[in-house]
Amino acid sequence: MASGEMTSTNYYIYADSIGLNGGDISTSTTYTLNDTANDSPGGQSTSTLYRINGGFQGMDLDESLTLTISDTNLAFGTISASAVAMNSVTTTVSCNSITGYSLAISNVSGTTPTAVADGSVTAGVEEYGVAVTGDQAAFVDDRSVIGGRQIAFSDSAILSSVTVVSFKAAAASPSGSGSSYAHTVTITASANF
C-alpha cells in the first residue's frame, strides 16, 4: 500500500492535517486520551485499494524497517596470489524512524584467512576483509569481518538506502597451502526507534 503526502529525493512528508488544535489531554499509567478539534472525520476508512486515517492521530506512522539482501551464498572459488578475489551483495534498507537505522555485521562464525589490518586487501598477501559503498556507507577502506562491525547508517528516515557489501580475499605468494575456508556472516538492520 502506498503512503505519503509529498516526497522528493531530499524529503518525505508522510501526512499533513488542517485543524485548530489537538493533543494529549489526559494520561495515566494505563491510557492516553487524544483529542482532535475541527479535524474530521476521525478514525479509519478502508477498502481493498486504500486506507484513510482521519484526525491528527491517524497520522501516527506505523514503525517500519525492511532489509533485503540480494544474495545469501557467495563463493570465491580458488584464490590466486596474483589478484584480489571479490564477491558482493547488495543490501537495501527502508526505515521510517526519524532517527534512522544502523546496518551491521552482527555475527561471524567459521574459518577465514588472516583478517586485513592495514586498510587494504592486497594481492600476494593472505588477507580477508569487507568494503562497503553507498551514500550511507560507514567506512571507505577495507576492514576486518567481525561481529559488531557497522557497515552503513543513517541519522534520519530513509526510503531506500542501497549499500554494496564486498567481501575480498587474497592469497599469499607463493600460494599452494591448500587451505579451505567457509564461514557465515549475519547482517542485521536495526532501527533507532
N, C-alpha and C. Protein backbone atom coordinates (compact mmCIF):
# COMPACT_ATOMS: atom_id res chain seq x y z
N MET A 1 0.84 -1.16 0.00
CA MET A 1 0.00 0.00 0.00
C MET A 1 0.89 1.24 0.00
N ALA A 2 0.67 2.16 -0.88
CA ALA A 2 1.47 3.38 -0.93
C ALA A 2 1.00 4.36 0.12
N SER A 3 1.92 5.14 0.63
CA SER A 3 1.56 6.19 1.58
C SER A 3 2.46 7.37 1.34
N GLY A 4 2.10 8.50 1.89
CA GLY A 4 2.95 9.67 1.77
C GLY A 4 2.25 10.78 1.03
N GLU A 5 2.25 11.93 1.63
CA GLU A 5 1.65 13.11 1.03
C GLU A 5 2.57 13.72 -0.02
N MET A 6 3.83 13.97 0.37
CA MET A 6 4.76 14.66 -0.52
C MET A 6 6.15 14.05 -0.37
N THR A 7 6.80 13.80 -1.51
CA THR A 7 8.15 13.26 -1.47
C THR A 7 8.99 13.86 -2.58
N SER A 8 10.28 13.82 -2.38
CA SER A 8 11.25 14.15 -3.43
C SER A 8 12.50 13.35 -3.10
N THR A 9 13.57 13.60 -3.81
CA THR A 9 14.82 12.90 -3.49
C THR A 9 15.40 13.38 -2.17
N ASN A 10 14.95 14.54 -1.68
CA ASN A 10 15.53 15.12 -0.46
C ASN A 10 14.63 15.09 0.76
N TYR A 11 13.33 14.85 0.61
CA TYR A 11 12.45 14.84 1.77
C TYR A 11 11.27 13.90 1.58
N TYR A 12 10.61 13.63 2.70
CA TYR A 12 9.45 12.75 2.72
C TYR A 12 8.51 13.26 3.80
N ILE A 13 7.35 13.74 3.40
CA ILE A 13 6.33 14.18 4.35
C ILE A 13 5.23 13.14 4.32
N TYR A 14 5.09 12.44 5.43
CA TYR A 14 4.17 11.31 5.49
C TYR A 14 2.71 11.76 5.41
N ALA A 15 2.37 12.82 6.12
CA ALA A 15 0.98 13.26 6.18
C ALA A 15 0.92 14.71 6.60
N ASP A 16 -0.23 15.33 6.39
CA ASP A 16 -0.45 16.67 6.92
C ASP A 16 -1.90 16.78 7.37
N SER A 17 -2.17 17.82 8.12
CA SER A 17 -3.51 17.98 8.69
C SER A 17 -3.82 19.45 8.87
N ILE A 18 -5.07 19.80 8.70
CA ILE A 18 -5.53 21.16 8.97
C ILE A 18 -6.52 21.07 10.12
N GLY A 19 -6.27 21.80 11.17
CA GLY A 19 -7.15 21.76 12.33
C GLY A 19 -6.79 22.87 13.28
N LEU A 20 -7.63 23.07 14.28
CA LEU A 20 -7.38 24.12 15.25
C LEU A 20 -6.46 23.67 16.37
N ASN A 21 -6.70 22.50 16.88
CA ASN A 21 -5.86 22.01 17.97
C ASN A 21 -6.05 20.52 18.13
N GLY A 22 -5.42 20.01 19.14
CA GLY A 22 -5.49 18.59 19.45
C GLY A 22 -4.24 18.21 20.17
N GLY A 23 -4.31 17.19 20.94
CA GLY A 23 -3.13 16.76 21.66
C GLY A 23 -3.50 15.78 22.74
N ASP A 24 -2.51 15.42 23.55
CA ASP A 24 -2.74 14.54 24.69
C ASP A 24 -3.41 15.38 25.77
N ILE A 25 -4.63 15.06 26.11
CA ILE A 25 -5.30 15.88 27.11
C ILE A 25 -5.43 15.17 28.45
N SER A 26 -5.26 13.88 28.47
CA SER A 26 -5.41 13.16 29.72
C SER A 26 -4.61 11.87 29.65
N THR A 27 -3.79 11.61 30.67
CA THR A 27 -2.98 10.40 30.67
C THR A 27 -2.96 9.77 32.05
N SER A 28 -2.65 8.49 32.08
CA SER A 28 -2.40 7.77 33.32
C SER A 28 -1.38 6.69 33.00
N THR A 29 -1.12 5.82 33.94
CA THR A 29 -0.18 4.73 33.67
C THR A 29 -0.73 3.70 32.70
N THR A 30 -2.04 3.70 32.48
CA THR A 30 -2.65 2.68 31.62
C THR A 30 -3.27 3.23 30.35
N TYR A 31 -3.40 4.56 30.19
CA TYR A 31 -4.01 5.08 28.97
C TYR A 31 -3.52 6.49 28.66
N THR A 32 -3.70 6.88 27.39
CA THR A 32 -3.52 8.25 26.94
C THR A 32 -4.74 8.58 26.10
N LEU A 33 -5.39 9.69 26.41
CA LEU A 33 -6.57 10.12 25.68
C LEU A 33 -6.18 11.27 24.77
N ASN A 34 -6.37 11.11 23.47
CA ASN A 34 -6.08 12.15 22.49
C ASN A 34 -7.37 12.81 22.06
N ASP A 35 -7.27 14.08 21.71
CA ASP A 35 -8.45 14.83 21.29
C ASP A 35 -8.13 15.56 20.00
N THR A 36 -9.09 15.62 19.11
CA THR A 36 -8.97 16.38 17.88
C THR A 36 -10.15 17.32 17.79
N ALA A 37 -9.86 18.58 17.54
CA ALA A 37 -10.94 19.56 17.35
C ALA A 37 -10.88 20.08 15.92
N ASN A 38 -12.03 20.17 15.27
CA ASN A 38 -12.13 20.74 13.93
C ASN A 38 -11.26 20.00 12.91
N ASP A 39 -11.12 18.72 13.06
CA ASP A 39 -10.33 17.91 12.12
C ASP A 39 -11.09 16.61 11.91
N SER A 40 -12.06 16.63 11.02
CA SER A 40 -12.93 15.47 10.89
C SER A 40 -12.85 14.92 9.48
N PRO A 41 -13.24 13.71 9.24
CA PRO A 41 -13.71 12.78 10.26
C PRO A 41 -12.54 12.08 10.93
N GLY A 42 -12.70 11.70 12.16
CA GLY A 42 -11.69 10.93 12.86
C GLY A 42 -11.90 9.45 12.61
N GLY A 43 -10.87 8.68 12.80
CA GLY A 43 -10.99 7.23 12.63
C GLY A 43 -10.39 6.76 11.32
N GLN A 44 -10.74 5.56 10.94
CA GLN A 44 -10.13 4.94 9.77
C GLN A 44 -11.20 4.39 8.83
N SER A 45 -11.00 4.62 7.53
CA SER A 45 -11.85 4.05 6.49
C SER A 45 -10.96 3.24 5.56
N THR A 46 -11.39 2.03 5.21
CA THR A 46 -10.55 1.18 4.38
C THR A 46 -11.36 0.48 3.30
N SER A 47 -10.66 0.06 2.28
CA SER A 47 -11.21 -0.84 1.27
C SER A 47 -10.05 -1.72 0.82
N THR A 48 -10.25 -2.51 -0.21
CA THR A 48 -9.15 -3.35 -0.70
C THR A 48 -8.08 -2.52 -1.39
N LEU A 49 -8.39 -1.27 -1.77
CA LEU A 49 -7.45 -0.44 -2.51
C LEU A 49 -6.86 0.71 -1.71
N TYR A 50 -7.45 1.10 -0.59
CA TYR A 50 -6.94 2.26 0.13
C TYR A 50 -7.21 2.16 1.62
N ARG A 51 -6.54 3.03 2.37
CA ARG A 51 -6.79 3.22 3.79
C ARG A 51 -6.68 4.70 4.07
N ILE A 52 -7.71 5.28 4.66
CA ILE A 52 -7.71 6.70 5.02
C ILE A 52 -7.77 6.79 6.54
N ASN A 53 -6.80 7.49 7.12
CA ASN A 53 -6.78 7.73 8.55
C ASN A 53 -7.18 9.18 8.78
N GLY A 54 -8.27 9.40 9.48
CA GLY A 54 -8.75 10.75 9.75
C GLY A 54 -8.30 11.25 11.11
N GLY A 55 -8.19 12.57 11.25
CA GLY A 55 -7.76 13.16 12.51
C GLY A 55 -6.25 13.11 12.63
N PHE A 56 -5.70 13.96 13.51
CA PHE A 56 -4.25 14.00 13.59
C PHE A 56 -3.66 12.72 14.16
N GLN A 57 -4.43 11.97 14.98
CA GLN A 57 -3.93 10.69 15.47
C GLN A 57 -3.73 9.70 14.33
N GLY A 58 -4.51 9.85 13.29
CA GLY A 58 -4.38 8.97 12.13
C GLY A 58 -3.06 9.15 11.40
N MET A 59 -2.36 10.24 11.70
CA MET A 59 -1.07 10.47 11.06
C MET A 59 0.07 9.77 11.78
N ASP A 60 -0.22 9.14 12.93
CA ASP A 60 0.83 8.39 13.59
C ASP A 60 1.34 7.33 12.63
N LEU A 61 2.61 7.36 12.38
CA LEU A 61 3.22 6.47 11.40
C LEU A 61 3.59 5.15 12.05
N ASP A 62 3.09 4.05 11.49
CA ASP A 62 3.49 2.74 11.99
C ASP A 62 4.99 2.59 11.78
N GLU A 63 5.69 2.13 12.81
CA GLU A 63 7.13 1.94 12.71
C GLU A 63 7.43 0.85 11.69
N SER A 64 8.40 1.11 10.83
CA SER A 64 8.69 0.18 9.75
C SER A 64 10.18 0.12 9.46
N LEU A 65 10.70 -1.09 9.31
CA LEU A 65 12.09 -1.31 8.94
C LEU A 65 12.12 -2.54 8.05
N THR A 66 12.68 -2.41 6.85
CA THR A 66 12.84 -3.57 5.98
C THR A 66 14.28 -3.67 5.51
N LEU A 67 14.77 -4.88 5.38
CA LEU A 67 16.11 -5.15 4.86
C LEU A 67 15.99 -6.24 3.82
N THR A 68 16.53 -5.98 2.63
CA THR A 68 16.63 -7.02 1.62
C THR A 68 18.10 -7.19 1.26
N ILE A 69 18.49 -8.43 1.03
CA ILE A 69 19.86 -8.76 0.65
C ILE A 69 19.80 -9.54 -0.65
N SER A 70 20.60 -9.11 -1.62
CA SER A 70 20.49 -9.65 -2.98
C SER A 70 20.88 -11.12 -3.10
N ASP A 71 21.75 -11.60 -2.23
CA ASP A 71 22.22 -12.98 -2.34
C ASP A 71 22.55 -13.50 -0.95
N THR A 72 22.39 -14.78 -0.74
CA THR A 72 22.71 -15.35 0.57
C THR A 72 23.85 -16.36 0.50
N ASN A 73 24.40 -16.58 -0.68
CA ASN A 73 25.51 -17.51 -0.87
C ASN A 73 26.56 -16.89 -1.76
N LEU A 74 27.75 -16.72 -1.25
CA LEU A 74 28.86 -16.20 -2.05
C LEU A 74 29.99 -17.23 -2.04
N ALA A 75 30.70 -17.34 -3.16
CA ALA A 75 31.84 -18.26 -3.23
C ALA A 75 32.97 -17.58 -3.99
N PHE A 76 34.18 -17.73 -3.48
CA PHE A 76 35.36 -17.19 -4.15
C PHE A 76 35.98 -18.19 -5.11
N GLY A 77 35.79 -19.47 -4.86
CA GLY A 77 36.49 -20.47 -5.65
C GLY A 77 37.95 -20.50 -5.24
N THR A 78 38.83 -20.85 -6.17
CA THR A 78 40.26 -20.88 -5.88
C THR A 78 40.82 -19.47 -5.97
N ILE A 79 41.53 -19.06 -4.93
CA ILE A 79 42.07 -17.70 -4.88
C ILE A 79 43.52 -17.71 -5.33
N SER A 80 43.84 -16.84 -6.26
CA SER A 80 45.18 -16.72 -6.82
C SER A 80 45.99 -15.69 -6.04
N ALA A 81 47.31 -15.85 -6.02
CA ALA A 81 48.18 -14.87 -5.38
C ALA A 81 48.34 -13.62 -6.23
N SER A 82 47.92 -13.67 -7.48
CA SER A 82 48.14 -12.54 -8.39
C SER A 82 47.00 -11.53 -8.43
N ALA A 83 45.88 -11.83 -7.77
CA ALA A 83 44.74 -10.91 -7.83
C ALA A 83 43.89 -11.04 -6.57
N VAL A 84 43.21 -9.97 -6.24
CA VAL A 84 42.28 -9.98 -5.11
C VAL A 84 40.94 -10.52 -5.61
N ALA A 85 40.42 -11.53 -4.94
CA ALA A 85 39.09 -12.07 -5.28
C ALA A 85 38.05 -11.24 -4.54
N MET A 86 36.93 -10.96 -5.21
CA MET A 86 35.89 -10.15 -4.59
C MET A 86 34.52 -10.68 -4.99
N ASN A 87 33.61 -10.68 -4.04
CA ASN A 87 32.23 -11.07 -4.28
C ASN A 87 31.35 -10.18 -3.42
N SER A 88 30.22 -9.74 -3.96
CA SER A 88 29.42 -8.71 -3.29
C SER A 88 27.96 -9.09 -3.16
N VAL A 89 27.31 -8.48 -2.18
CA VAL A 89 25.86 -8.50 -2.04
C VAL A 89 25.39 -7.05 -1.99
N THR A 90 24.17 -6.83 -2.43
CA THR A 90 23.57 -5.50 -2.34
C THR A 90 22.49 -5.55 -1.27
N THR A 91 22.59 -4.63 -0.31
CA THR A 91 21.58 -4.54 0.74
C THR A 91 20.74 -3.29 0.48
N THR A 92 19.45 -3.40 0.75
CA THR A 92 18.55 -2.26 0.63
C THR A 92 17.76 -2.15 1.93
N VAL A 93 17.86 -0.98 2.56
CA VAL A 93 17.15 -0.73 3.82
C VAL A 93 16.15 0.38 3.61
N SER A 94 14.95 0.18 4.13
CA SER A 94 13.93 1.22 4.18
C SER A 94 13.52 1.35 5.63
N CYS A 95 13.55 2.58 6.15
CA CYS A 95 13.28 2.79 7.57
C CYS A 95 12.59 4.13 7.77
N ASN A 96 11.46 4.14 8.47
CA ASN A 96 10.76 5.41 8.68
C ASN A 96 11.03 6.03 10.04
N SER A 97 11.99 5.49 10.79
CA SER A 97 12.36 6.11 12.06
C SER A 97 13.01 7.46 11.79
N ILE A 98 12.55 8.51 12.46
CA ILE A 98 13.11 9.84 12.22
C ILE A 98 14.55 9.94 12.70
N THR A 99 15.00 8.97 13.50
CA THR A 99 16.39 8.96 13.95
C THR A 99 17.22 7.91 13.22
N GLY A 100 16.67 7.29 12.18
CA GLY A 100 17.46 6.47 11.28
C GLY A 100 17.62 5.01 11.66
N TYR A 101 18.69 4.41 11.13
CA TYR A 101 18.94 2.97 11.29
C TYR A 101 20.43 2.71 11.30
N SER A 102 20.79 1.49 11.64
CA SER A 102 22.17 1.02 11.57
C SER A 102 22.17 -0.35 10.91
N LEU A 103 23.09 -0.56 9.99
CA LEU A 103 23.28 -1.86 9.33
C LEU A 103 24.63 -2.38 9.78
N ALA A 104 24.66 -3.60 10.30
CA ALA A 104 25.91 -4.11 10.87
C ALA A 104 26.07 -5.60 10.62
N ILE A 105 27.33 -6.03 10.67
CA ILE A 105 27.64 -7.45 10.73
C ILE A 105 27.43 -7.83 12.18
N SER A 106 26.42 -8.64 12.45
CA SER A 106 26.09 -8.94 13.84
C SER A 106 26.75 -10.22 14.35
N ASN A 107 27.11 -11.12 13.43
CA ASN A 107 27.71 -12.37 13.87
C ASN A 107 28.55 -12.96 12.74
N VAL A 108 29.67 -13.57 13.11
CA VAL A 108 30.54 -14.26 12.16
C VAL A 108 30.94 -15.59 12.78
N SER A 109 30.79 -16.67 12.02
CA SER A 109 31.21 -17.98 12.51
C SER A 109 31.91 -18.73 11.38
N GLY A 110 32.78 -19.65 11.76
CA GLY A 110 33.50 -20.43 10.76
C GLY A 110 34.96 -20.02 10.68
N THR A 111 35.60 -20.37 9.56
CA THR A 111 37.02 -20.10 9.38
C THR A 111 37.24 -19.10 8.25
N THR A 112 38.27 -18.27 8.40
CA THR A 112 38.61 -17.27 7.38
C THR A 112 40.12 -17.14 7.27
N PRO A 113 40.60 -16.59 6.17
CA PRO A 113 42.02 -16.24 6.10
C PRO A 113 42.34 -15.14 7.11
N THR A 114 43.58 -14.73 7.19
CA THR A 114 44.01 -13.67 8.09
C THR A 114 43.24 -12.39 7.82
N ALA A 115 42.75 -11.74 8.87
CA ALA A 115 41.97 -10.51 8.72
C ALA A 115 42.85 -9.37 8.24
N VAL A 116 42.33 -8.55 7.34
CA VAL A 116 43.04 -7.37 6.87
C VAL A 116 43.25 -6.43 8.06
N ALA A 117 44.44 -5.84 8.14
CA ALA A 117 44.74 -4.94 9.26
C ALA A 117 45.24 -3.58 8.79
N ASP A 118 45.59 -3.46 7.50
CA ASP A 118 46.19 -2.21 7.02
C ASP A 118 45.25 -1.38 6.16
N GLY A 119 43.97 -1.72 6.10
CA GLY A 119 43.00 -0.93 5.34
C GLY A 119 42.86 -1.31 3.88
N SER A 120 43.62 -2.30 3.42
CA SER A 120 43.53 -2.69 2.02
C SER A 120 43.90 -4.16 1.84
N VAL A 121 42.97 -4.95 1.32
CA VAL A 121 43.27 -6.34 0.96
C VAL A 121 44.14 -6.29 -0.29
N THR A 122 45.33 -6.91 -0.22
CA THR A 122 46.34 -6.77 -1.26
C THR A 122 46.71 -8.12 -1.86
N ALA A 123 46.80 -8.17 -3.19
CA ALA A 123 47.22 -9.39 -3.88
C ALA A 123 48.61 -9.79 -3.41
N GLY A 124 48.81 -11.09 -3.22
CA GLY A 124 50.10 -11.61 -2.79
C GLY A 124 50.27 -11.67 -1.28
N VAL A 125 49.29 -11.16 -0.55
CA VAL A 125 49.32 -11.19 0.92
C VAL A 125 48.04 -11.89 1.38
N GLU A 126 48.17 -12.89 2.26
CA GLU A 126 46.95 -13.56 2.73
C GLU A 126 46.15 -12.59 3.59
N GLU A 127 45.00 -12.18 3.06
CA GLU A 127 44.14 -11.23 3.78
C GLU A 127 42.69 -11.46 3.39
N TYR A 128 41.81 -11.08 4.30
CA TYR A 128 40.38 -11.19 4.07
C TYR A 128 39.71 -9.99 4.72
N GLY A 129 38.77 -9.37 4.01
CA GLY A 129 38.11 -8.20 4.58
C GLY A 129 36.82 -7.85 3.87
N VAL A 130 36.24 -6.74 4.29
CA VAL A 130 34.98 -6.26 3.73
C VAL A 130 35.12 -4.78 3.39
N ALA A 131 34.49 -4.39 2.28
CA ALA A 131 34.42 -2.99 1.88
C ALA A 131 32.95 -2.67 1.62
N VAL A 132 32.57 -1.41 1.80
CA VAL A 132 31.18 -1.01 1.56
C VAL A 132 31.15 0.25 0.71
N THR A 133 30.15 0.33 -0.17
CA THR A 133 29.94 1.54 -0.96
C THR A 133 28.46 1.89 -0.93
N GLY A 134 28.20 3.18 -0.99
CA GLY A 134 26.83 3.68 -0.95
C GLY A 134 26.78 4.97 -0.16
N ASP A 135 25.70 5.71 -0.29
CA ASP A 135 25.59 7.01 0.38
C ASP A 135 25.64 6.90 1.90
N GLN A 136 25.22 5.78 2.46
CA GLN A 136 25.22 5.63 3.91
C GLN A 136 26.34 4.70 4.41
N ALA A 137 27.34 4.44 3.58
CA ALA A 137 28.45 3.55 3.96
C ALA A 137 29.16 4.09 5.20
N ALA A 138 29.53 3.18 6.11
CA ALA A 138 30.14 3.58 7.37
C ALA A 138 31.65 3.77 7.27
N PHE A 139 32.29 3.26 6.22
CA PHE A 139 33.73 3.43 6.06
C PHE A 139 34.09 3.31 4.59
N VAL A 140 35.32 3.72 4.24
CA VAL A 140 35.72 3.74 2.82
C VAL A 140 36.89 2.81 2.51
N ASP A 141 37.49 2.20 3.51
CA ASP A 141 38.61 1.30 3.27
C ASP A 141 38.17 -0.15 3.47
N ASP A 142 39.11 -1.08 3.44
CA ASP A 142 38.81 -2.49 3.71
C ASP A 142 38.96 -2.73 5.21
N ARG A 143 37.98 -3.41 5.81
CA ARG A 143 38.00 -3.68 7.25
C ARG A 143 37.86 -5.17 7.50
N SER A 144 38.23 -5.59 8.70
CA SER A 144 38.07 -7.00 9.08
C SER A 144 36.59 -7.35 9.19
N VAL A 145 36.29 -8.60 8.95
CA VAL A 145 34.91 -9.10 9.02
C VAL A 145 34.69 -9.64 10.43
N ILE A 146 34.12 -8.79 11.30
CA ILE A 146 33.91 -9.16 12.69
C ILE A 146 32.50 -8.79 13.13
N GLY A 147 31.98 -9.52 14.11
CA GLY A 147 30.68 -9.18 14.68
C GLY A 147 30.73 -7.81 15.33
N GLY A 148 29.68 -7.04 15.14
CA GLY A 148 29.61 -5.69 15.69
C GLY A 148 30.10 -4.62 14.73
N ARG A 149 30.59 -5.00 13.57
CA ARG A 149 31.10 -4.03 12.59
C ARG A 149 29.94 -3.31 11.92
N GLN A 150 29.80 -2.01 12.16
CA GLN A 150 28.78 -1.22 11.47
C GLN A 150 29.22 -1.02 10.03
N ILE A 151 28.30 -1.26 9.08
CA ILE A 151 28.66 -1.12 7.68
C ILE A 151 27.91 0.01 6.98
N ALA A 152 26.78 0.44 7.55
CA ALA A 152 26.05 1.57 6.99
C ALA A 152 25.13 2.13 8.07
N PHE A 153 24.77 3.41 7.93
CA PHE A 153 23.86 4.02 8.90
C PHE A 153 23.24 5.27 8.31
N SER A 154 22.14 5.68 8.91
CA SER A 154 21.50 6.95 8.58
C SER A 154 21.00 7.55 9.88
N ASP A 155 21.06 8.87 9.98
CA ASP A 155 20.57 9.57 11.17
C ASP A 155 19.15 10.07 10.99
N SER A 156 18.51 9.69 9.89
CA SER A 156 17.14 10.13 9.64
C SER A 156 16.40 9.05 8.85
N ALA A 157 15.09 9.23 8.72
CA ALA A 157 14.29 8.28 7.94
C ALA A 157 14.79 8.24 6.50
N ILE A 158 14.68 7.07 5.88
CA ILE A 158 15.17 6.93 4.51
C ILE A 158 14.27 5.94 3.77
N LEU A 159 13.89 6.31 2.55
CA LEU A 159 13.00 5.46 1.76
C LEU A 159 13.72 4.24 1.22
N SER A 160 14.96 4.42 0.74
CA SER A 160 15.69 3.31 0.15
C SER A 160 17.19 3.59 0.24
N SER A 161 17.85 2.90 1.14
CA SER A 161 19.29 3.03 1.32
C SER A 161 19.97 1.80 0.74
N VAL A 162 20.71 1.98 -0.34
CA VAL A 162 21.37 0.87 -1.02
C VAL A 162 22.86 0.88 -0.66
N THR A 163 23.34 -0.24 -0.13
CA THR A 163 24.75 -0.38 0.22
C THR A 163 25.26 -1.68 -0.40
N VAL A 164 26.37 -1.58 -1.13
CA VAL A 164 27.02 -2.77 -1.69
C VAL A 164 28.08 -3.22 -0.69
N VAL A 165 27.97 -4.46 -0.25
CA VAL A 165 28.89 -5.05 0.72
C VAL A 165 29.78 -6.03 -0.03
N SER A 166 31.07 -5.70 -0.14
CA SER A 166 32.00 -6.51 -0.93
C SER A 166 32.98 -7.24 -0.03
N PHE A 167 32.99 -8.55 -0.13
CA PHE A 167 33.94 -9.37 0.61
C PHE A 167 35.14 -9.61 -0.29
N LYS A 168 36.35 -9.43 0.27
CA LYS A 168 37.58 -9.55 -0.51
C LYS A 168 38.52 -10.56 0.14
N ALA A 169 39.22 -11.32 -0.70
CA ALA A 169 40.19 -12.29 -0.20
C ALA A 169 41.41 -12.30 -1.11
N ALA A 170 42.57 -12.49 -0.50
CA ALA A 170 43.81 -12.59 -1.27
C ALA A 170 44.66 -13.70 -0.69
N ALA A 171 45.43 -14.36 -1.56
CA ALA A 171 46.32 -15.46 -1.14
C ALA A 171 47.75 -14.97 -1.13
N ALA A 172 48.56 -15.59 -0.27
CA ALA A 172 49.97 -15.25 -0.19
C ALA A 172 50.72 -15.81 -1.38
N SER A 173 51.83 -15.21 -1.70
CA SER A 173 52.68 -15.69 -2.79
C SER A 173 53.98 -16.21 -2.18
N PRO A 174 54.45 -17.42 -2.45
CA PRO A 174 53.77 -18.38 -3.32
C PRO A 174 52.59 -19.02 -2.59
N SER A 175 51.53 -19.24 -3.34
CA SER A 175 50.35 -19.89 -2.76
C SER A 175 50.51 -21.39 -2.88
N GLY A 176 49.47 -22.10 -2.53
CA GLY A 176 49.54 -23.55 -2.65
C GLY A 176 49.45 -24.26 -1.32
N SER A 177 49.06 -23.53 -0.26
CA SER A 177 48.93 -24.19 1.03
C SER A 177 47.74 -25.13 1.06
N GLY A 178 46.80 -24.94 0.13
CA GLY A 178 45.65 -25.82 0.06
C GLY A 178 44.61 -25.57 1.14
N SER A 179 44.70 -24.44 1.82
CA SER A 179 43.73 -24.12 2.88
C SER A 179 42.35 -23.92 2.28
N SER A 180 41.36 -24.34 3.04
CA SER A 180 39.98 -24.16 2.62
C SER A 180 39.24 -23.46 3.75
N TYR A 181 38.42 -22.47 3.39
CA TYR A 181 37.72 -21.67 4.39
C TYR A 181 36.23 -21.64 4.08
N ALA A 182 35.43 -21.60 5.12
CA ALA A 182 33.99 -21.44 4.98
C ALA A 182 33.47 -20.77 6.23
N HIS A 183 32.63 -19.78 6.05
CA HIS A 183 32.05 -19.15 7.24
C HIS A 183 30.73 -18.49 6.91
N THR A 184 30.02 -18.13 7.97
CA THR A 184 28.71 -17.50 7.88
C THR A 184 28.79 -16.09 8.45
N VAL A 185 28.27 -15.13 7.69
CA VAL A 185 28.22 -13.74 8.13
C VAL A 185 26.75 -13.35 8.24
N THR A 186 26.35 -12.85 9.39
CA THR A 186 24.98 -12.38 9.59
C THR A 186 24.96 -10.86 9.55
N ILE A 187 24.13 -10.30 8.67
CA ILE A 187 23.98 -8.85 8.55
C ILE A 187 22.60 -8.48 9.10
N THR A 188 22.58 -7.50 9.99
CA THR A 188 21.34 -7.11 10.67
C THR A 188 21.11 -5.62 10.55
N ALA A 189 19.86 -5.24 10.30
CA ALA A 189 19.47 -3.83 10.31
C ALA A 189 18.70 -3.56 11.59
N SER A 190 19.01 -2.44 12.23
CA SER A 190 18.32 -2.05 13.46
C SER A 190 17.84 -0.61 13.32
N ALA A 191 16.58 -0.38 13.63
CA ALA A 191 16.03 0.97 13.58
C ALA A 191 16.28 1.68 14.91
N ASN A 192 16.43 2.99 14.84
CA ASN A 192 16.63 3.79 16.04
C ASN A 192 15.29 4.35 16.53
N PHE A 193 14.32 3.46 16.78
CA PHE A 193 13.01 3.91 17.23
C PHE A 193 13.09 4.36 18.68
